[in-house]
Amino acid sequence: MNGAMTSAKARLIALFEELLQHEGYGSLRVEIRILRRGQKEVILDCGKQYRFVLDVPPPADPPGGLRDAPRALAGMERRP
């Protein structure tokens, strides 16, 4: 796990714990946006905004997985 991901997780946990200890209402919002290939932006919003840019490896594509389904169906014809 890289340093930015560790920092984002630590901040998320710290904000969550602060909200639980707070005497009133609180909210925590997490936004994840895709940037360029291999990166995502994580914004933690809890009154203040904390922004992290994370390097995320692409998901493994298992053979015969869902990504292959459109190609497999393209050769099929519909019969009456």
Protein backbone atom coordinates (compact mmCIF):
# COMPACT_ATOMS: atom_id res chain seq x y z
CA MET A 1 0.00 0.00 0.00
CA ASN A 2 1.45 3.36 -0.99
CA GLY A 3 1.84 6.39 1.28
CA ALA A 4 -1.07 8.40 -0.14
CA MET A 5 -3.47 5.49 0.33
CA THR A 6 -2.28 5.01 3.90
CA SER A 7 -2.75 8.73 4.58
CA ALA A 8 -6.26 8.72 3.10
CA LYS A 9 -7.31 5.71 5.19
CA ALA A 10 -5.83 7.22 8.35
CA ARG A 11 -7.64 10.53 7.75
CA LEU A 12 -10.94 8.73 7.07
CA ILE A 13 -10.69 6.78 10.31
CA ALA A 14 -9.70 9.90 12.27
CA LEU A 15 -12.67 11.88 10.88
CA PHE A 16 -15.05 9.02 11.63
CA GLU A 17 -13.81 8.82 15.24
CA GLU A 18 -14.12 12.61 15.65
CA LEU A 19 -17.74 12.46 14.48
CA LEU A 20 -18.56 9.66 16.91
CA GLN A 21 -17.13 11.67 19.83
CA HIS A 22 -18.86 14.90 18.76
CA GLU A 23 -21.82 15.97 20.94
CA GLY A 24 -24.05 16.89 18.00
CA TYR A 25 -24.84 16.13 14.41
CA GLY A 26 -22.10 15.48 11.90
CA SER A 27 -21.70 14.26 8.35
CA LEU A 28 -18.93 12.65 6.39
CA ARG A 29 -18.93 12.36 2.61
CA VAL A 30 -16.48 10.41 0.48
CA GLU A 31 -16.12 11.13 -3.24
CA ILE A 32 -13.93 9.06 -5.55
CA ARG A 33 -13.24 10.29 -9.06
CA ILE A 34 -11.26 8.67 -11.83
CA LEU A 35 -8.37 10.84 -13.01
CA ARG A 36 -6.00 9.47 -15.60
CA ARG A 37 -5.11 5.83 -16.05
CA GLY A 38 -4.08 4.33 -12.76
CA GLN A 39 -5.05 7.30 -10.56
CA LYS A 40 -8.10 8.20 -8.52
CA GLU A 41 -8.92 11.33 -6.54
CA VAL A 42 -10.42 10.77 -3.11
CA ILE A 43 -12.12 13.72 -1.40
CA LEU A 44 -13.15 13.42 2.23
CA ASP A 45 -15.64 16.14 3.15
CA CYS A 46 -16.37 16.71 6.83
CA GLY A 47 -16.71 20.49 7.13
CA LYS A 48 -13.22 20.74 5.66
CA GLN A 49 -12.20 18.92 2.50
CA TYR A 50 -9.21 16.62 2.39
CA ARG A 51 -8.00 15.66 -1.10
CA PHE A 52 -5.81 12.67 -1.94
CA VAL A 53 -4.57 11.44 -5.33
CA LEU A 54 -3.97 7.71 -5.24
CA ASP A 55 -2.15 5.42 -7.65
CA VAL A 56 -4.45 2.45 -8.10
CA PRO A 57 -3.42 -0.60 -10.12
CA PRO A 58 -5.93 -1.70 -12.76
CA PRO A 59 -8.19 -4.59 -11.75
CA ALA A 60 -7.14 -8.04 -12.86
CA ASP A 61 -9.14 -9.25 -15.85
CA PRO A 62 -9.91 -12.94 -15.38
CA PRO A 63 -10.13 -14.99 -18.60
CA GLY A 64 -13.73 -15.47 -19.64
CA GLY A 65 -14.84 -12.68 -17.31
CA LEU A 66 -17.54 -10.07 -17.87
CA ARG A 67 -15.29 -7.96 -20.07
CA ASP A 68 -15.20 -10.77 -22.65
CA ALA A 69 -19.01 -11.15 -22.74
CA PRO A 70 -19.78 -8.42 -25.36
CA ARG A 71 -17.21 -9.94 -27.73
CA ALA A 72 -18.67 -13.41 -27.25
CA LEU A 73 -22.22 -12.17 -27.86
CA ALA A 74 -21.26 -10.17 -30.96
CA GLY A 75 -20.96 -13.33 -33.06
CA MET A 76 -24.35 -14.66 -32.00
CA GLU A 77 -27.37 -14.18 -34.23
CA ARG A 78 -30.93 -13.88 -33.07
CA ARG A 79 -33.18 -16.63 -34.39
CA PRO A 80 -36.99 -16.45 -34.65
